[in-house]
Amino acid sequence: MKKIKIPYELQKFNEIFSQNGYEAYLVGGAVRDALLGKEVSDWDVTTNAKPDEVMKIFKKVIPTGIEHGTVTVHFMKKEIEVTTFRTESDYSDGRHPDKVEYCGHIEEDLSRRDFTINAIAASLKDGTLVDPYGGQDDLKKKIIRTVGKPHERFMEDGLRPVRALRFASKLEFSIEKDTYSEIFEKEVKEKIASISLERFRDEFVKMMSSRLPSLGLKLMEETGILNLFLPELTACRGCIQKDDRGYHVFDVMDHNMYACDGAPKEKPLLRIAALLHDSGKPLARTERNEQGLTIFNFYNHEKYSVQIARKIMTRLKFSNAQTDYVCHLIENHMFHYESSWSDAAVRRFIVRVGTEYIEDLIDLRLADMYGKYNQDVRIHDSASCALLVELLDRVKSVEKQQDALSMKDLKVNGRNLMQEGIPAGKNLGRILNELFETVLDDPAMNDRDKLLNLAVNLYKKSQGE
């Protein structure tokens, strides 16, 4: 019988269960990833001990989901989620099971799980595997298959079809024929549409950590799930960009998806920005004939893209900070740097974009370039990339000089100006802005006496003196 290696901490963890007469198993993604030879970081444990019994035998236990049979145990500097063997019924609210019942055997607990590759347990005692649904075989075949009949599994929880696509993307597996075809069924589609937006969002964000999110996104488009939750993106399909100048190969939909692939996988929000960065192009697209050439233009498409991105991010209940981050990157992704930029122009670019966004904006531009041809972009391979390197170097140089890059860096403030006789109000704010603009052009002007003198002169001028 096949076994996996149980980490030392989990062996010690099991000793406490065993000493108190309980069984415990490692389950879910940890077992799956261990069998795939991947590094395992999160541990989910299931046991025949009930939550109150777990809380008695361990010193530090947090009742994180006790109503569903789950607690989090702090043990040997690890947080281990522990759930009692259970069965579940429907998720009528789209988020939580209507009813949870405890059961006595690991096989019964595994029967409630979504896919065979997630329905494998490993005894914490010795790593012996319990695999009643052939999950190991499906791992070898690289197949996503439901536990039991697909229709029944999907009607229990409408998130499961979305998870099937996410696992197919993450693991680069195919979805078993009957399992996949069931996602197209009307009743299942209605069940998918009923899930909470937060649950969809969480799966969507997890998909962003795939090596190639486009694999899952294309499955979402094919099954109609993309249109359920991100209908604005479907307008990008068939929006042709390639004109007689030959700037693009793909339509806007594929370009966005491949740009998503090209963004760093450790930055899921940046990948979302890449996916949405050109979503406004269908609204901005114009066509003209110039000297016998067909020319497509997308002027101000970034403004439309920001509107669409904000709508999507708000609908999916991302935080305000996450939404602002994505929209800020999209709004600024069309910058056009040239070596002829003055140092003042570089400083203004930093002020407009924000120091904390510069590297991510560069990454978005590289992702955009990747998406043009669905090919890796090596930073020194082209003149465009060389300019990005140059810009980044100049930004770092300016930052080292510690020039004033925000209003708070000025050597004077509103109180100083009022002490010079300039009254509070809009005029004072305008003068502060002019002082800041002056310092951006000439950092040497960031001197208290120089700025106060300039402020007084500006105020007198505004008063007609």
Protein backbone atom coordinates (compact mmCIF):
# COMPACT_ATOMS: atom_id res chain seq x y z
CA MET A 1 0.00 0.00 0.00
CA LYS A 2 1.43 3.35 -1.06
CA LYS A 3 2.53 5.86 1.55
CA ILE A 4 3.78 9.44 1.65
CA LYS A 5 6.25 10.93 4.07
CA ILE A 6 4.60 12.67 7.01
CA PRO A 7 6.48 15.77 8.25
CA TYR A 8 7.94 15.57 11.74
CA GLU A 9 5.59 18.22 13.13
CA LEU A 10 2.56 16.27 11.94
CA GLN A 11 3.95 13.06 13.43
CA LYS A 12 4.16 14.80 16.82
CA PHE A 13 0.72 16.30 16.18
CA ASN A 14 -0.69 12.82 15.59
CA GLU A 15 0.79 11.51 18.83
CA ILE A 16 -1.63 13.72 20.77
CA PHE A 17 -4.62 12.44 18.78
CA SER A 18 -3.46 8.85 19.18
CA GLN A 19 -2.84 9.20 22.93
CA ASN A 20 -6.42 10.36 23.30
CA GLY A 21 -7.88 7.56 21.18
CA TYR A 22 -8.49 9.47 17.95
CA GLU A 23 -7.49 9.03 14.30
CA ALA A 24 -6.12 11.85 12.17
CA TYR A 25 -5.40 12.17 8.44
CA LEU A 26 -3.76 14.68 6.17
CA VAL A 27 -6.19 15.56 3.36
CA GLY A 28 -6.79 17.75 0.34
CA GLY A 29 -4.20 19.76 -1.50
CA ALA A 30 -1.34 18.76 0.79
CA VAL A 31 -1.69 15.08 -0.15
CA ARG A 32 -2.25 15.88 -3.82
CA ASP A 33 0.79 18.14 -4.00
CA ALA A 34 2.97 15.67 -2.11
CA LEU A 35 2.07 12.98 -4.66
CA LEU A 36 2.93 15.42 -7.45
CA GLY A 37 6.33 16.04 -5.87
CA LYS A 38 5.51 19.66 -5.04
CA GLU A 39 6.39 21.56 -1.90
CA VAL A 40 3.61 21.47 0.69
CA SER A 41 3.13 24.47 2.96
CA ASP A 42 -0.49 24.34 4.19
CA TRP A 43 -1.73 21.37 6.16
CA ASP A 44 -5.39 20.36 6.45
CA VAL A 45 -6.14 17.56 8.86
CA THR A 46 -9.36 15.62 9.35
CA THR A 47 -10.16 13.52 12.41
CA ASN A 48 -12.90 11.59 14.16
CA ALA A 49 -12.44 13.90 17.16
CA LYS A 50 -15.20 16.52 17.39
CA PRO A 51 -14.28 20.21 17.63
CA ASP A 52 -14.86 20.43 21.39
CA GLU A 53 -12.68 17.33 21.85
CA VAL A 54 -9.89 18.87 19.74
CA MET A 55 -10.09 22.01 21.87
CA LYS A 56 -9.63 19.89 25.02
CA ILE A 57 -6.53 18.01 23.90
CA PHE A 58 -4.57 20.93 22.46
CA LYS A 59 -3.44 24.03 24.33
CA LYS A 60 -4.04 26.73 21.70
CA VAL A 61 -7.08 26.27 19.46
CA ILE A 62 -8.99 28.97 17.58
CA PRO A 63 -12.64 28.17 16.63
CA THR A 64 -12.22 29.54 13.10
CA GLY A 65 -15.15 27.60 11.63
CA ILE A 66 -16.51 25.61 14.50
CA GLU A 67 -20.09 25.71 13.15
CA HIS A 68 -18.78 23.68 10.21
CA GLY A 69 -16.63 21.39 12.33
CA THR A 70 -13.36 23.28 11.78
CA VAL A 71 -10.85 24.70 14.25
CA THR A 72 -7.29 25.97 13.82
CA VAL A 73 -4.66 24.49 16.11
CA HIS A 74 -1.41 26.34 16.83
CA PHE A 75 1.21 23.62 17.21
CA MET A 76 5.01 23.76 16.97
CA LYS A 77 4.85 27.24 15.38
CA LYS A 78 2.41 25.98 12.74
CA GLU A 79 -1.26 26.75 12.12
CA ILE A 80 -3.04 23.51 11.30
CA GLU A 81 -6.68 23.49 10.21
CA VAL A 82 -8.49 20.54 11.75
CA THR A 83 -11.95 19.41 10.62
CA THR A 84 -14.05 16.58 12.02
CA PHE A 85 -15.07 13.78 9.64
CA ARG A 86 -18.29 15.13 8.12
CA THR A 87 -20.83 15.10 5.33
CA GLU A 88 -22.46 18.20 3.85
CA SER A 89 -25.69 19.21 2.13
CA ASP A 90 -26.48 22.01 -0.34
CA TYR A 91 -25.01 25.53 -0.27
CA SER A 92 -28.33 27.38 -0.74
CA ASP A 93 -26.79 30.75 0.21
CA GLY A 94 -23.96 30.22 -2.26
CA ARG A 95 -21.38 30.31 0.51
CA HIS A 96 -22.02 27.85 3.37
CA PRO A 97 -23.36 24.28 3.55
CA ASP A 98 -26.97 24.18 4.75
CA LYS A 99 -26.24 21.27 7.04
CA VAL A 100 -23.09 19.62 8.37
CA GLU A 101 -23.25 16.17 9.94
CA TYR A 102 -20.34 14.37 11.57
CA CYS A 103 -19.52 10.86 10.43
CA GLY A 104 -17.37 8.10 11.81
CA HIS A 105 -15.09 7.02 8.97
CA ILE A 106 -12.50 8.68 6.74
CA GLU A 107 -14.00 7.03 3.63
CA GLU A 108 -17.35 8.69 4.33
CA ASP A 109 -15.64 12.06 4.75
CA LEU A 110 -13.80 11.64 1.46
CA SER A 111 -17.09 10.91 -0.32
CA ARG A 112 -18.21 14.57 0.15
CA ARG A 113 -15.15 16.00 -1.60
CA ASP A 114 -15.26 17.51 -5.06
CA PHE A 115 -12.65 15.76 -7.21
CA THR A 116 -10.89 12.44 -7.00
CA ILE A 117 -7.46 14.10 -6.82
CA ASN A 118 -8.65 15.93 -3.68
CA ALA A 119 -10.25 12.83 -2.14
CA ILE A 120 -7.04 11.14 -1.02
CA ALA A 121 -6.11 10.98 2.66
CA ALA A 122 -2.83 10.04 4.34
CA SER A 123 -2.74 8.63 7.85
CA LEU A 124 -0.70 10.87 10.13
CA LYS A 125 0.47 7.72 11.87
CA ASP A 126 2.53 6.30 8.99
CA GLY A 127 1.54 8.08 5.76
CA THR A 128 -0.60 5.20 4.45
CA LEU A 129 -2.92 6.48 1.74
CA VAL A 130 -6.69 6.07 1.68
CA ASP A 131 -7.85 6.50 -1.92
CA PRO A 132 -11.34 5.09 -2.50
CA TYR A 133 -12.02 6.99 -5.74
CA GLY A 134 -8.87 6.43 -7.79
CA GLY A 135 -7.34 9.85 -7.24
CA GLN A 136 -3.80 8.56 -7.66
CA ASP A 137 -4.61 7.15 -11.09
CA ASP A 138 -6.19 10.44 -12.14
CA LEU A 139 -3.10 12.30 -10.96
CA LYS A 140 -0.98 10.07 -13.17
CA LYS A 141 -3.35 10.61 -16.12
CA LYS A 142 -3.52 14.36 -15.36
CA ILE A 143 -7.30 14.33 -15.22
CA ILE A 144 -9.84 16.33 -13.19
CA ARG A 145 -12.79 14.05 -12.39
CA THR A 146 -15.60 14.45 -9.86
CA VAL A 147 -16.13 12.09 -6.97
CA GLY A 148 -19.27 10.29 -8.12
CA LYS A 149 -21.65 11.68 -10.75
CA PRO A 150 -20.71 15.16 -12.01
CA HIS A 151 -24.29 16.44 -11.97
CA GLU A 152 -24.78 15.53 -8.31
CA ARG A 153 -21.45 17.03 -7.25
CA PHE A 154 -22.04 20.26 -9.15
CA MET A 155 -25.62 20.67 -7.95
CA GLU A 156 -24.42 20.35 -4.36
CA ASP A 157 -22.18 23.39 -4.77
CA GLY A 158 -22.04 25.68 -7.79
CA LEU A 159 -18.45 26.64 -7.03
CA ARG A 160 -17.20 23.17 -7.95
CA PRO A 161 -17.29 23.72 -11.74
CA VAL A 162 -15.25 26.90 -11.22
CA ARG A 163 -12.80 24.94 -9.09
CA ALA A 164 -12.54 22.32 -11.84
CA LEU A 165 -11.37 25.02 -14.25
CA ARG A 166 -9.01 26.48 -11.69
CA PHE A 167 -7.40 23.10 -11.00
CA ALA A 168 -7.11 22.43 -14.73
CA SER A 169 -5.28 25.74 -15.07
CA LYS A 170 -3.15 25.39 -11.95
CA LEU A 171 -2.10 21.77 -12.54
CA GLU A 172 -2.27 21.96 -16.36
CA PHE A 173 -4.57 18.92 -16.37
CA SER A 174 -7.48 18.12 -18.68
CA ILE A 175 -11.04 17.78 -17.39
CA GLU A 176 -12.61 14.36 -17.80
CA LYS A 177 -15.18 14.37 -20.62
CA ASP A 178 -18.39 13.79 -18.58
CA THR A 179 -17.24 16.19 -15.89
CA TYR A 180 -16.55 18.93 -18.43
CA SER A 181 -19.72 18.47 -20.47
CA GLU A 182 -21.81 18.78 -17.30
CA ILE A 183 -20.60 22.35 -16.81
CA PHE A 184 -22.54 23.34 -19.96
CA GLU A 185 -25.85 22.00 -18.61
CA LYS A 186 -28.51 24.68 -17.99
CA GLU A 187 -29.30 23.56 -14.44
CA VAL A 188 -25.62 23.48 -13.50
CA LYS A 189 -25.03 26.89 -15.11
CA GLU A 190 -27.85 28.32 -12.98
CA LYS A 191 -26.25 26.79 -9.90
CA ILE A 192 -22.91 28.38 -10.81
CA ALA A 193 -24.60 31.76 -11.25
CA SER A 194 -26.01 31.51 -7.72
CA ILE A 195 -22.68 31.31 -5.91
CA SER A 196 -21.53 34.34 -3.94
CA LEU A 197 -19.30 36.80 -5.73
CA GLU A 198 -16.72 36.47 -2.96
CA ARG A 199 -16.37 32.73 -3.55
CA PHE A 200 -15.93 33.23 -7.28
CA ARG A 201 -13.41 36.03 -6.64
CA ASP A 202 -11.30 33.79 -4.41
CA GLU A 203 -11.13 31.07 -7.08
CA PHE A 204 -10.38 33.70 -9.73
CA VAL A 205 -7.48 35.08 -7.68
CA LYS A 206 -6.13 31.56 -7.13
CA MET A 207 -6.26 31.00 -10.89
CA MET A 208 -3.97 34.00 -11.25
CA SER A 209 -1.19 32.03 -9.54
CA SER A 210 -1.19 29.40 -12.31
CA ARG A 211 1.83 29.30 -14.57
CA LEU A 212 -0.47 30.19 -17.46
CA PRO A 213 -3.78 31.68 -16.25
CA SER A 214 -4.92 31.85 -19.89
CA LEU A 215 -5.52 28.07 -19.77
CA GLY A 216 -8.23 28.53 -17.14
CA LEU A 217 -9.52 31.79 -18.59
CA LYS A 218 -10.08 30.16 -21.99
CA LEU A 219 -11.98 27.33 -20.29
CA MET A 220 -14.05 29.94 -18.45
CA GLU A 221 -14.84 31.60 -21.76
CA GLU A 222 -15.68 28.33 -23.49
CA THR A 223 -18.03 27.18 -20.71
CA GLY A 224 -19.74 30.57 -20.40
CA ILE A 225 -18.56 31.14 -16.82
CA LEU A 226 -16.54 34.16 -17.92
CA ASN A 227 -19.72 35.76 -19.25
CA LEU A 228 -21.49 35.09 -15.95
CA PHE A 229 -18.97 36.95 -13.81
CA LEU A 230 -16.83 39.05 -16.17
CA PRO A 231 -19.20 39.88 -19.04
CA GLU A 232 -17.25 43.02 -19.94
CA LEU A 233 -14.34 40.87 -21.10
CA THR A 234 -16.41 38.93 -23.61
CA ALA A 235 -16.72 42.11 -25.71
CA CYS A 236 -12.96 41.81 -26.31
CA ARG A 237 -13.42 38.61 -28.32
CA GLY A 238 -13.30 39.44 -32.01
CA CYS A 239 -12.06 42.99 -31.49
CA ILE A 240 -9.30 42.90 -34.10
CA GLN A 241 -6.13 44.89 -33.48
CA LYS A 242 -3.95 43.76 -36.37
CA ASP A 243 -4.03 46.33 -39.13
CA ASP A 244 -1.76 46.99 -42.11
CA ARG A 245 0.97 48.21 -39.75
CA GLY A 246 1.18 44.71 -38.19
CA TYR A 247 1.50 45.85 -34.57
CA HIS A 248 -0.58 43.02 -33.11
CA VAL A 249 -1.21 39.35 -33.86
CA PHE A 250 -4.17 38.61 -31.55
CA ASP A 251 -7.59 40.08 -30.96
CA VAL A 252 -8.03 42.02 -27.71
CA MET A 253 -9.31 39.00 -25.75
CA ASP A 254 -6.32 36.76 -26.48
CA HIS A 255 -3.92 39.67 -26.07
CA ASN A 256 -5.31 40.37 -22.59
CA MET A 257 -5.14 36.71 -21.60
CA TYR A 258 -1.57 36.31 -22.80
CA ALA A 259 -0.57 39.57 -21.12
CA CYS A 260 -1.95 38.03 -17.93
CA ASP A 261 0.38 35.05 -18.50
CA GLY A 262 3.30 37.44 -18.98
CA ALA A 263 2.90 39.22 -15.64
CA PRO A 264 4.76 37.85 -12.57
CA LYS A 265 2.79 34.97 -11.03
CA GLU A 266 3.68 36.10 -7.51
CA LYS A 267 1.68 39.31 -8.14
CA PRO A 268 -1.96 38.22 -8.67
CA LEU A 269 -3.35 41.76 -8.63
CA LEU A 270 -0.83 42.80 -11.27
CA ARG A 271 -1.99 39.85 -13.36
CA ILE A 272 -5.57 41.08 -13.00
CA ALA A 273 -4.42 44.52 -14.16
CA ALA A 274 -2.79 42.85 -17.17
CA LEU A 275 -5.99 40.93 -17.95
CA LEU A 276 -8.06 44.14 -17.84
CA HIS A 277 -5.52 46.66 -19.17
CA ASP A 278 -6.99 46.77 -22.69
CA SER A 279 -10.59 45.87 -21.82
CA GLY A 280 -11.70 49.31 -23.00
CA LYS A 281 -10.37 48.88 -26.54
CA PRO A 282 -13.69 47.71 -28.05
CA LEU A 283 -15.23 51.00 -26.89
CA ALA A 284 -12.30 53.11 -28.15
CA ARG A 285 -11.68 51.39 -31.50
CA THR A 286 -11.78 53.50 -34.64
CA GLU A 287 -10.81 52.64 -38.20
CA ARG A 288 -9.47 54.82 -40.98
CA ASN A 289 -7.78 54.50 -44.35
CA GLU A 290 -4.46 56.25 -44.76
CA GLN A 291 -2.65 56.12 -48.10
CA GLY A 292 -4.31 52.83 -48.91
CA LEU A 293 -3.56 51.33 -45.48
CA THR A 294 -6.22 50.25 -42.99
CA ILE A 295 -5.36 51.76 -39.61
CA PHE A 296 -7.00 50.88 -36.27
CA ASN A 297 -6.72 53.34 -33.40
CA PHE A 298 -7.65 52.98 -29.75
CA TYR A 299 -7.20 56.51 -28.42
CA ASN A 300 -7.84 56.88 -24.68
CA HIS A 301 -8.65 53.20 -24.36
CA GLU A 302 -6.95 53.18 -20.96
CA LYS A 303 -9.68 55.51 -19.63
CA TYR A 304 -12.41 53.11 -20.73
CA SER A 305 -10.35 50.21 -19.35
CA VAL A 306 -10.16 51.90 -15.94
CA GLN A 307 -13.95 52.32 -15.89
CA ILE A 308 -14.44 48.65 -16.75
CA ALA A 309 -11.80 47.46 -14.27
CA ARG A 310 -13.32 49.51 -11.45
CA LYS A 311 -16.76 48.11 -12.25
CA ILE A 312 -15.46 44.53 -12.23
CA MET A 313 -13.31 44.91 -9.11
CA THR A 314 -16.20 46.54 -7.22
CA ARG A 315 -18.67 43.88 -8.31
CA LEU A 316 -16.32 41.10 -7.17
CA LYS A 317 -15.93 42.88 -3.83
CA PHE A 318 -12.21 43.53 -3.93
CA SER A 319 -11.10 46.05 -1.34
CA ASN A 320 -10.89 49.74 -2.24
CA ALA A 321 -7.10 49.56 -2.00
CA GLN A 322 -6.92 46.57 -4.36
CA THR A 323 -9.28 48.25 -6.81
CA ASP A 324 -7.35 51.52 -6.75
CA TYR A 325 -4.07 49.66 -7.30
CA VAL A 326 -5.33 47.83 -10.39
CA CYS A 327 -7.00 50.93 -11.84
CA HIS A 328 -3.93 53.11 -11.20
CA LEU A 329 -1.69 50.72 -13.13
CA ILE A 330 -4.15 50.49 -16.02
CA GLU A 331 -4.56 54.28 -16.14
CA ASN A 332 -0.81 54.79 -16.47
CA HIS A 333 0.17 51.82 -18.65
CA MET A 334 0.37 53.88 -21.87
CA PHE A 335 3.35 56.02 -20.79
CA HIS A 336 5.85 56.67 -23.57
CA TYR A 337 9.41 57.15 -22.33
CA GLU A 338 12.21 58.44 -24.54
CA SER A 339 15.87 59.03 -23.76
CA SER A 340 15.31 62.71 -24.46
CA TRP A 341 13.26 63.09 -21.29
CA SER A 342 14.78 65.69 -18.98
CA ASP A 343 15.43 64.88 -15.33
CA ALA A 344 12.45 67.11 -14.54
CA ALA A 345 10.28 64.93 -16.82
CA VAL A 346 11.47 61.82 -14.97
CA ARG A 347 10.61 63.46 -11.64
CA ARG A 348 7.14 64.34 -12.94
CA PHE A 349 6.67 60.75 -14.10
CA ILE A 350 7.56 59.50 -10.61
CA VAL A 351 5.15 61.98 -9.01
CA ARG A 352 2.33 61.03 -11.40
CA VAL A 353 2.79 57.28 -11.06
CA GLY A 354 4.03 57.04 -7.47
CA THR A 355 7.35 55.55 -6.38
CA GLU A 356 5.68 52.43 -5.01
CA TYR A 357 4.08 51.67 -8.40
CA ILE A 358 7.05 52.15 -10.74
CA GLU A 359 8.38 48.58 -10.84
CA ASP A 360 4.89 47.10 -11.13
CA LEU A 361 4.10 49.48 -13.98
CA ILE A 362 7.27 48.34 -15.76
CA ASP A 363 6.18 44.73 -15.19
CA LEU A 364 2.78 45.57 -16.67
CA ARG A 365 4.43 47.07 -19.74
CA LEU A 366 6.55 43.91 -20.16
CA ALA A 367 3.39 41.79 -19.79
CA ASP A 368 1.74 43.93 -22.46
CA MET A 369 4.69 43.25 -24.78
CA TYR A 370 4.50 39.51 -23.97
CA GLY A 371 0.81 39.55 -24.90
CA LYS A 372 1.47 40.91 -28.38
CA TYR A 373 3.02 37.66 -29.59
CA ASN A 374 2.49 35.26 -26.64
CA GLN A 375 6.25 35.05 -26.18
CA ASP A 376 8.63 35.67 -23.31
CA VAL A 377 10.12 39.13 -23.23
CA ARG A 378 13.74 39.28 -22.22
CA ILE A 379 14.60 42.67 -20.82
CA HIS A 380 17.55 43.42 -23.14
CA ASP A 381 16.14 41.91 -26.34
CA SER A 382 14.74 45.03 -27.96
CA ALA A 383 15.01 48.79 -28.13
CA SER A 384 11.70 49.07 -26.25
CA CYS A 385 13.00 46.91 -23.41
CA ALA A 386 16.29 48.81 -23.33
CA LEU A 387 14.30 52.03 -22.84
CA LEU A 388 12.44 50.49 -19.90
CA VAL A 389 15.76 49.54 -18.30
CA GLU A 390 17.04 53.06 -18.88
CA LEU A 391 13.90 54.58 -17.35
CA LEU A 392 14.15 52.36 -14.30
CA ASP A 393 17.81 53.33 -13.85
CA ARG A 394 16.95 57.01 -14.10
CA VAL A 395 14.12 56.64 -11.59
CA LYS A 396 16.49 55.00 -9.11
CA SER A 397 19.05 57.76 -9.71
CA VAL A 398 16.48 60.47 -8.96
CA GLU A 399 15.34 58.67 -5.83
CA LYS A 400 18.94 58.48 -4.57
CA GLN A 401 19.26 62.24 -4.96
CA GLN A 402 16.38 62.60 -2.47
CA ASP A 403 14.76 65.36 -4.50
CA ALA A 404 11.31 66.55 -3.48
CA LEU A 405 8.90 64.05 -5.02
CA SER A 406 5.81 64.93 -3.00
CA MET A 407 4.32 68.00 -1.34
CA LYS A 408 5.48 66.80 2.05
CA ASP A 409 9.10 66.97 0.81
CA LEU A 410 8.90 70.75 0.37
CA LYS A 411 10.93 72.78 2.86
CA VAL A 412 7.83 74.89 3.56
CA ASN A 413 4.22 74.11 4.34
CA GLY A 414 0.90 75.92 4.55
CA ARG A 415 1.55 77.12 8.08
CA ASN A 416 4.82 78.73 7.01
CA LEU A 417 3.04 80.55 4.21
CA MET A 418 0.31 81.82 6.54
CA GLN A 419 3.02 83.17 8.86
CA GLU A 420 4.20 85.23 5.88
CA GLY A 421 0.75 86.78 5.58
CA ILE A 422 -0.79 84.48 2.97
CA PRO A 423 -4.32 83.64 4.17
CA ALA A 424 -5.68 80.09 4.23
CA GLY A 425 -7.85 79.07 1.32
CA LYS A 426 -7.74 78.03 -2.32
CA ASN A 427 -5.10 80.64 -3.14
CA LEU A 428 -2.72 79.19 -0.58
CA GLY A 429 -3.20 75.70 -2.02
CA ARG A 430 -2.56 77.02 -5.53
CA ILE A 431 0.66 78.70 -4.37
CA LEU A 432 1.87 75.50 -2.69
CA ASN A 433 1.25 73.63 -5.94
CA GLU A 434 3.24 76.22 -7.88
CA LEU A 435 6.11 75.89 -5.39
CA PHE A 436 6.07 72.14 -5.87
CA GLU A 437 6.07 72.49 -9.67
CA THR A 438 9.03 74.87 -9.38
CA VAL A 439 10.99 72.37 -7.28
CA LEU A 440 10.23 69.56 -9.72
CA ASP A 441 11.84 71.67 -12.47
CA ASP A 442 14.75 72.80 -10.29
CA PRO A 443 15.45 70.80 -7.11
CA ALA A 444 17.89 73.51 -5.96
CA MET A 445 14.85 75.70 -5.32
CA ASN A 446 13.80 73.45 -2.43
CA ASP A 447 15.19 75.92 0.09
CA ARG A 448 13.06 77.49 2.83
CA ASP A 449 14.07 81.11 2.16
CA LYS A 450 13.85 80.77 -1.62
CA LEU A 451 10.41 79.18 -1.43
CA LEU A 452 9.03 81.70 1.06
CA ASN A 453 10.27 84.57 -1.09
CA LEU A 454 8.71 83.01 -4.18
CA ALA A 455 5.45 82.35 -2.33
CA VAL A 456 5.15 85.97 -1.23
CA ASN A 457 5.81 87.19 -4.76
CA LEU A 458 3.21 84.81 -6.15
CA TYR A 459 0.67 85.98 -3.60
CA LYS A 460 1.33 89.67 -4.35
CA LYS A 461 0.99 88.95 -8.06
CA SER A 462 -2.34 87.24 -7.46
CA GLN A 463 -3.53 90.32 -5.59
CA GLY A 464 -2.53 92.60 -8.41
CA GLU A 465 0.25 94.27 -6.41
